[in-house]
PDB file of N, CA and C in Angstrom:
ATOM      1  N   MET A   1     -38.648 -23.272 -25.626  1.00  0.00           N
ATOM      2  CA  MET A   1     -37.681 -22.254 -25.322  1.00  0.00           C
ATOM      3  C   MET A   1     -37.070 -22.537 -23.944  1.00  0.00           C
ATOM      4  N   GLN A   2     -35.761 -22.415 -23.879  1.00  0.00           N
ATOM      5  CA  GLN A   2     -35.064 -22.717 -22.627  1.00  0.00           C
ATOM      6  C   GLN A   2     -34.855 -21.433 -21.821  1.00  0.00           C
ATOM      7  N   PRO A   3     -34.886 -21.562 -20.487  1.00  0.00           N
ATOM      8  CA  PRO A   3     -34.608 -20.381 -19.657  1.00  0.00           C
ATOM      9  C   PRO A   3     -33.123 -20.008 -19.778  1.00  0.00           C
ATOM     10  N   PRO A   4     -32.778 -18.749 -19.580  1.00  0.00           N
ATOM     11  CA  PRO A   4     -31.367 -18.348 -19.690  1.00  0.00           C
ATOM     12  C   PRO A   4     -30.524 -19.064 -18.627  1.00  0.00           C
ATOM     13  N   PRO A   5     -29.246 -19.345 -18.941  1.00  0.00           N
ATOM     14  CA  PRO A   5     -28.417 -20.051 -17.948  1.00  0.00           C
ATOM     15  C   PRO A   5     -28.196 -19.179 -16.702  1.00  0.00           C
ATOM     16  N   ARG A   6     -28.170 -19.863 -15.569  1.00  0.00           N
ATOM     17  CA  ARG A   6     -27.981 -19.148 -14.300  1.00  0.00           C
ATOM     18  C   ARG A   6     -26.492 -18.975 -14.032  1.00  0.00           C
ATOM     19  N   ARG A   7     -26.177 -17.862 -13.500  1.00  0.00           N
ATOM     20  CA  ARG A   7     -24.775 -17.615 -13.129  1.00  0.00           C
ATOM     21  C   ARG A   7     -24.502 -18.241 -11.769  1.00  0.00           C
ATOM     22  N   ALA A   8     -23.249 -18.599 -11.576  1.00  0.00           N
ATOM     23  CA  ALA A   8     -22.862 -19.164 -10.285  1.00  0.00           C
ATOM     24  C   ALA A   8     -22.883 -18.057  -9.225  1.00  0.00           C
ATOM     25  N   GLU A   9     -23.137 -18.441  -7.996  1.00  0.00           N
ATOM     26  CA  GLU A   9     -23.141 -17.465  -6.903  1.00  0.00           C
ATOM     27  C   GLU A   9     -21.718 -16.986  -6.646  1.00  0.00           C
ATOM     28  N   PRO A  10     -21.583 -15.756  -6.211  1.00  0.00           N
ATOM     29  CA  PRO A  10     -20.236 -15.288  -5.864  1.00  0.00           C
ATOM     30  C   PRO A  10     -19.713 -16.068  -4.663  1.00  0.00           C
ATOM     31  N   PRO A  11     -18.403 -16.203  -4.565  1.00  0.00           N
ATOM     32  CA  PRO A  11     -17.861 -16.962  -3.426  1.00  0.00           C
ATOM     33  C   PRO A  11     -18.184 -16.271  -2.105  1.00  0.00           C
ATOM     34  N   ARG A  12     -18.432 -17.076  -1.113  1.00  0.00           N
ATOM     35  CA  ARG A  12     -18.754 -16.559   0.221  1.00  0.00           C
ATOM     36  C   ARG A  12     -17.573 -16.793   1.150  1.00  0.00           C
ATOM     37  N   ILE A  13     -17.385 -15.865   2.053  1.00  0.00           N
ATOM     38  CA  ILE A  13     -16.331 -16.027   3.057  1.00  0.00           C
ATOM     39  C   ILE A  13     -16.839 -16.989   4.118  1.00  0.00           C
ATOM     40  N   PRO A  14     -16.059 -18.027   4.418  1.00  0.00           N
ATOM     41  CA  PRO A  14     -16.523 -18.971   5.442  1.00  0.00           C
ATOM     42  C   PRO A  14     -16.524 -18.300   6.815  1.00  0.00           C
ATOM     43  N   PRO A  15     -17.355 -18.785   7.713  1.00  0.00           N
ATOM     44  CA  PRO A  15     -17.387 -18.189   9.052  1.00  0.00           C
ATOM     45  C   PRO A  15     -16.044 -18.399   9.759  1.00  0.00           C
ATOM     46  N   ALA A  16     -15.694 -17.423  10.581  1.00  0.00           N
ATOM     47  CA  ALA A  16     -14.414 -17.482  11.292  1.00  0.00           C
ATOM     48  C   ALA A  16     -14.437 -18.586  12.340  1.00  0.00           C
ATOM     49  N   THR A  17     -13.343 -19.300  12.427  1.00  0.00           N
ATOM     50  CA  THR A  17     -13.207 -20.345  13.439  1.00  0.00           C
ATOM     51  C   THR A  17     -12.470 -19.769  14.638  1.00  0.00           C
ATOM     52  N   ARG A  18     -12.468 -20.503  15.730  1.00  0.00           N
ATOM     53  CA  ARG A  18     -11.755 -20.046  16.932  1.00  0.00           C
ATOM     54  C   ARG A  18     -10.265 -19.913  16.673  1.00  0.00           C
ATOM     55  N   ALA A  19      -9.712 -20.837  15.907  1.00  0.00           N
ATOM     56  CA  ALA A  19      -8.281 -20.794  15.619  1.00  0.00           C
ATOM     57  C   ALA A  19      -7.940 -19.542  14.805  1.00  0.00           C
ATOM     58  N   LEU A  20      -8.794 -19.201  13.852  1.00  0.00           N
ATOM     59  CA  LEU A  20      -8.564 -18.008  13.041  1.00  0.00           C
ATOM     60  C   LEU A  20      -8.674 -16.748  13.894  1.00  0.00           C
ATOM     61  N   GLU A  21      -9.661 -16.685  14.761  1.00  0.00           N
ATOM     62  CA  GLU A  21      -9.816 -15.527  15.648  1.00  0.00           C
ATOM     63  C   GLU A  21      -8.622 -15.401  16.587  1.00  0.00           C
ATOM     64  N   ARG A  22      -8.146 -16.533  17.113  1.00  0.00           N
ATOM     65  CA  ARG A  22      -6.988 -16.523  18.014  1.00  0.00           C
ATOM     66  C   ARG A  22      -5.740 -16.055  17.268  1.00  0.00           C
ATOM     67  N   ALA A  23      -5.563 -16.512  16.040  1.00  0.00           N
ATOM     68  CA  ALA A  23      -4.403 -16.102  15.248  1.00  0.00           C
ATOM     69  C   ALA A  23      -4.457 -14.604  14.945  1.00  0.00           C
ATOM     70  N   ALA A  24      -5.651 -14.095  14.654  1.00  0.00           N
ATOM     71  CA  ALA A  24      -5.794 -12.659  14.389  1.00  0.00           C
ATOM     72  C   ALA A  24      -5.475 -11.846  15.642  1.00  0.00           C
ATOM     73  N   GLU A  25      -5.913 -12.311  16.798  1.00  0.00           N
ATOM     74  CA  GLU A  25      -5.624 -11.608  18.053  1.00  0.00           C
ATOM     75  C   GLU A  25      -4.131 -11.644  18.370  1.00  0.00           C
ATOM     76  N   GLU A  26      -3.488 -12.794  18.138  1.00  0.00           N
ATOM     77  CA  GLU A  26      -2.041 -12.896  18.362  1.00  0.00           C
ATOM     78  C   GLU A  26      -1.282 -11.963  17.426  1.00  0.00           C
ATOM     79  N   ARG A  27      -1.752 -11.847  16.204  1.00  0.00           N
ATOM     80  CA  ARG A  27      -1.104 -10.945  15.244  1.00  0.00           C
ATOM     81  C   ARG A  27      -1.226  -9.491  15.693  1.00  0.00           C
ATOM     82  N   LYS A  28      -2.411  -9.103  16.178  1.00  0.00           N
ATOM     83  CA  LYS A  28      -2.590  -7.741  16.673  1.00  0.00           C
ATOM     84  C   LYS A  28      -1.660  -7.462  17.849  1.00  0.00           C
ATOM     85  N   THR A  29      -1.556  -8.406  18.768  1.00  0.00           N
ATOM     86  CA  THR A  29      -0.672  -8.247  19.921  1.00  0.00           C
ATOM     87  C   THR A  29       0.781  -8.123  19.479  1.00  0.00           C
ATOM     88  N   TYR A  30       1.181  -8.953  18.531  1.00  0.00           N
ATOM     89  CA  TYR A  30       2.549  -8.911  18.023  1.00  0.00           C
ATOM     90  C   TYR A  30       2.843  -7.563  17.361  1.00  0.00           C
ATOM     91  N   LEU A  31       1.910  -7.076  16.549  1.00  0.00           N
ATOM     92  CA  LEU A  31       2.124  -5.804  15.860  1.00  0.00           C
ATOM     93  C   LEU A  31       2.199  -4.643  16.852  1.00  0.00           C
ATOM     94  N   ARG A  32       1.383  -4.688  17.919  1.00  0.00           N
ATOM     95  CA  ARG A  32       1.459  -3.638  18.943  1.00  0.00           C
ATOM     96  C   ARG A  32       2.819  -3.636  19.624  1.00  0.00           C
ATOM     97  N   SER A  33       3.349  -4.815  19.932  1.00  0.00           N
ATOM     98  CA  SER A  33       4.657  -4.881  20.594  1.00  0.00           C
ATOM     99  C   SER A  33       5.764  -4.407  19.650  1.00  0.00           C
ATOM    100  N   ARG A  34       5.647  -4.724  18.362  1.00  0.00           N
ATOM    101  CA  ARG A  34       6.647  -4.269  17.390  1.00  0.00           C
ATOM    102  C   ARG A  34       6.616  -2.752  17.223  1.00  0.00           C
ATOM    103  N   GLU A  35       5.423  -2.150  17.286  1.00  0.00           N
ATOM    104  CA  GLU A  35       5.316  -0.702  17.184  1.00  0.00           C
ATOM    105  C   GLU A  35       6.046  -0.038  18.343  1.00  0.00           C
ATOM    106  N   GLY A  36       5.910  -0.599  19.536  1.00  0.00           N
ATOM    107  CA  GLY A  36       6.607  -0.044  20.702  1.00  0.00           C
ATOM    108  C   GLY A  36       8.107  -0.135  20.540  1.00  0.00           C
ATOM    109  N   LEU A  37       8.595  -1.278  20.055  1.00  0.00           N
ATOM    110  CA  LEU A  37      10.028  -1.438  19.841  1.00  0.00           C
ATOM    111  C   LEU A  37      10.543  -0.483  18.770  1.00  0.00           C
ATOM    112  N   GLU A  38       9.761  -0.307  17.730  1.00  0.00           N
ATOM    113  CA  GLU A  38      10.183   0.567  16.636  1.00  0.00           C
ATOM    114  C   GLU A  38      10.265   2.015  17.096  1.00  0.00           C
ATOM    115  N   SER A  39       9.299   2.464  17.871  1.00  0.00           N
ATOM    116  CA  SER A  39       9.330   3.854  18.326  1.00  0.00           C
ATOM    117  C   SER A  39      10.507   4.082  19.273  1.00  0.00           C
ATOM    118  N   ARG A  40      10.817   3.106  20.129  1.00  0.00           N
ATOM    119  CA  ARG A  40      11.990   3.241  21.006  1.00  0.00           C
ATOM    120  C   ARG A  40      13.271   3.285  20.192  1.00  0.00           C
ATOM    121  N   SER A  41      13.354   2.490  19.150  1.00  0.00           N
ATOM    122  CA  SER A  41      14.549   2.485  18.306  1.00  0.00           C
ATOM    123  C   SER A  41      14.713   3.821  17.587  1.00  0.00           C
ATOM    124  N   VAL A  42      13.623   4.407  17.145  1.00  0.00           N
ATOM    125  CA  VAL A  42      13.694   5.708  16.475  1.00  0.00           C
ATOM    126  C   VAL A  42      14.193   6.770  17.446  1.00  0.00           C
ATOM    127  N   VAL A  43      13.679   6.768  18.657  1.00  0.00           N
ATOM    128  CA  VAL A  43      14.102   7.762  19.655  1.00  0.00           C
ATOM    129  C   VAL A  43      15.585   7.585  19.978  1.00  0.00           C
ATOM    130  N   ARG A  44      16.021   6.358  20.172  1.00  0.00           N
ATOM    131  CA  ARG A  44      17.442   6.113  20.459  1.00  0.00           C
ATOM    132  C   ARG A  44      18.324   6.556  19.308  1.00  0.00           C
ATOM    133  N   GLY A  45      17.895   6.296  18.089  1.00  0.00           N
ATOM    134  CA  GLY A  45      18.665   6.705  16.927  1.00  0.00           C
ATOM    135  C   GLY A  45      18.779   8.215  16.817  1.00  0.00           C
ATOM    136  N   LEU A  46      17.688   8.923  17.083  1.00  0.00           N
ATOM    137  CA  LEU A  46      17.721  10.386  17.017  1.00  0.00           C
ATOM    138  C   LEU A  46      18.614  10.976  18.103  1.00  0.00           C
ATOM    139  N   ILE A  47      18.571  10.398  19.295  1.00  0.00           N
ATOM    140  CA  ILE A  47      19.449  10.875  20.376  1.00  0.00           C
ATOM    141  C   ILE A  47      20.904  10.622  20.014  1.00  0.00           C
ATOM    142  N   LEU A  48      21.207   9.458  19.476  1.00  0.00           N
ATOM    143  CA  LEU A  48      22.573   9.149  19.068  1.00  0.00           C
ATOM    144  C   LEU A  48      23.045  10.106  17.978  1.00  0.00           C
ATOM    145  N   LEU A  49      22.199  10.385  17.021  1.00  0.00           N
ATOM    146  CA  LEU A  49      22.549  11.322  15.955  1.00  0.00           C
ATOM    147  C   LEU A  49      22.805  12.718  16.508  1.00  0.00           C
ATOM    148  N   ALA A  50      21.973  13.167  17.444  1.00  0.00           N
ATOM    149  CA  ALA A  50      22.173  14.485  18.054  1.00  0.00           C
ATOM    150  C   ALA A  50      23.496  14.543  18.804  1.00  0.00           C
ATOM    151  N   LEU A  51      23.846  13.474  19.519  1.00  0.00           N
ATOM    152  CA  LEU A  51      25.131  13.447  20.242  1.00  0.00           C
ATOM    153  C   LEU A  51      26.312  13.474  19.279  1.00  0.00           C
ATOM    154  N   LEU A  52      26.205  12.738  18.186  1.00  0.00           N
ATOM    155  CA  LEU A  52      27.288  12.747  17.200  1.00  0.00           C
ATOM    156  C   LEU A  52      27.475  14.129  16.581  1.00  0.00           C
ATOM    157  N   VAL A  53      26.377  14.808  16.282  1.00  0.00           N
ATOM    158  CA  VAL A  53      26.468  16.163  15.724  1.00  0.00           C
ATOM    159  C   VAL A  53      27.073  17.107  16.747  1.00  0.00           C
ATOM    160  N   LEU A  54      26.688  16.986  18.002  1.00  0.00           N
ATOM    161  CA  LEU A  54      27.236  17.838  19.060  1.00  0.00           C
ATOM    162  C   LEU A  54      28.731  17.616  19.225  1.00  0.00           C
ATOM    163  N   ILE A  55      29.155  16.377  19.269  1.00  0.00           N
ATOM    164  CA  ILE A  55      30.580  16.067  19.443  1.00  0.00           C
ATOM    165  C   ILE A  55      31.381  16.540  18.234  1.00  0.00           C
ATOM    166  N   ALA A  56      30.856  16.320  17.034  1.00  0.00           N
ATOM    167  CA  ALA A  56      31.565  16.762  15.832  1.00  0.00           C
ATOM    168  C   ALA A  56      31.695  18.280  15.803  1.00  0.00           C
ATOM    169  N   SER A  57      30.647  18.997  16.186  1.00  0.00           N
ATOM    170  CA  SER A  57      30.719  20.458  16.181  1.00  0.00           C
ATOM    171  C   SER A  57      31.670  20.968  17.257  1.00  0.00           C
ATOM    172  N   MET A  58      31.746  20.268  18.391  1.00  0.00           N
ATOM    173  CA  MET A  58      32.694  20.673  19.437  1.00  0.00           C
ATOM    174  C   MET A  58      34.129  20.498  18.957  1.00  0.00           C
ATOM    175  N   PHE A  59      34.431  19.390  18.299  1.00  0.00           N
ATOM    176  CA  PHE A  59      35.786  19.181  17.797  1.00  0.00           C
ATOM    177  C   PHE A  59      36.122  20.160  16.679  1.00  0.00           C
ATOM    178  N   ARG A  60      35.132  20.484  15.867  1.00  0.00           N
ATOM    179  CA  ARG A  60      35.376  21.427  14.776  1.00  0.00           C
ATOM    180  C   ARG A  60      35.651  22.829  15.323  1.00  0.00           C
ATOM    181  N   ALA A  61      34.941  23.226  16.368  1.00  0.00           N
ATOM    182  CA  ALA A  61      35.156  24.544  16.971  1.00  0.00           C
ATOM    183  C   ALA A  61      36.468  24.586  17.747  1.00  0.00           C
ATOM    184  N   GLY A  62      36.907  23.452  18.196  1.00  0.00           N
ATOM    185  CA  GLY A  62      38.131  23.397  18.993  1.00  0.00           C
ATOM    186  C   GLY A  62      37.780  23.203  20.453  1.00  0.00           C
ATOM    187  N   ILE A  63      38.377  22.213  21.028  1.00  0.00           N
ATOM    188  CA  ILE A  63      38.074  21.886  22.430  1.00  0.00           C
ATOM    189  C   ILE A  63      38.433  23.060  23.340  1.00  0.00           C
ATOM    190  N   GLY A  64      39.512  23.783  23.014  1.00  0.00           N
ATOM    191  CA  GLY A  64      39.919  24.925  23.835  1.00  0.00           C
ATOM    192  C   GLY A  64      38.913  26.057  23.831  1.00  0.00           C
ATOM    193  N   ARG A  65      38.171  26.215  22.749  1.00  0.00           N
ATOM    194  CA  ARG A  65      37.172  27.276  22.689  1.00  0.00           C
ATOM    195  C   ARG A  65      35.862  26.848  23.332  1.00  0.00           C
ATOM    196  N   VAL A  66      35.590  25.542  23.348  1.00  0.00           N
ATOM    197  CA  VAL A  66      34.349  25.056  23.947  1.00  0.00           C
ATOM    198  C   VAL A  66      34.499  24.994  25.459  1.00  0.00           C
ATOM    199  N   PHE A  67      35.592  24.391  25.915  1.00  0.00           N
ATOM    200  CA  PHE A  67      35.853  24.270  27.348  1.00  0.00           C
ATOM    201  C   PHE A  67      36.964  25.249  27.712  1.00  0.00           C
ATOM    202  N   VAL A  68      36.576  26.481  27.943  1.00  0.00           N
ATOM    203  CA  VAL A  68      37.558  27.509  28.316  1.00  0.00           C
ATOM    204  C   VAL A  68      38.043  27.235  29.727  1.00  0.00           C
ATOM    205  N   PRO A  69      39.228  27.696  30.075  1.00  0.00           N
ATOM    206  CA  PRO A  69      39.730  27.463  31.436  1.00  0.00           C
ATOM    207  C   PRO A  69      38.747  27.992  32.484  1.00  0.00           C
ATOM    208  N   GLY A  70      38.444  27.164  33.432  1.00  0.00           N
ATOM    209  CA  GLY A  70      37.546  27.537  34.525  1.00  0.00           C
ATOM    210  C   GLY A  70      36.068  27.331  34.228  1.00  0.00           C
ATOM    211  N   TRP A  71      35.732  26.606  33.169  1.00  0.00           N
ATOM    212  CA  TRP A  71      34.335  26.422  32.801  1.00  0.00           C
ATOM    213  C   TRP A  71      33.547  25.656  33.859  1.00  0.00           C
ATOM    214  N   TRP A  72      34.215  24.817  34.642  1.00  0.00           N
ATOM    215  CA  TRP A  72      33.517  24.007  35.638  1.00  0.00           C
ATOM    216  C   TRP A  72      33.135  24.809  36.868  1.00  0.00           C
ATOM    217  N   ARG A  73      33.656  26.056  36.989  1.00  0.00           N
ATOM    218  CA  ARG A  73      33.340  26.878  38.164  1.00  0.00           C
ATOM    219  C   ARG A  73      32.142  27.793  37.929  1.00  0.00           C
ATOM    220  N   LEU A  74      31.494  27.657  36.806  1.00  0.00           N
ATOM    221  CA  LEU A  74      30.349  28.522  36.516  1.00  0.00           C
ATOM    222  C   LEU A  74      29.268  28.222  37.510  1.00  0.00           C
TER     223      LEU A  74
END
């Protein structure tokens, strides 16, 4: 009688090399810098959108009603 066939071992992850660790660290640094750029871009976009809405509403209301004579002396 023969013993049952053995199954192959599951694949093992090879140990990390210095180059792999360095690449992972560079990727983390890159992603952190991109997050900072993205958040600044979002803030700039929201400010620009708010200014456009403000200017459009001022023109819709009429410049004469927004800037009444003597408004700068308040």
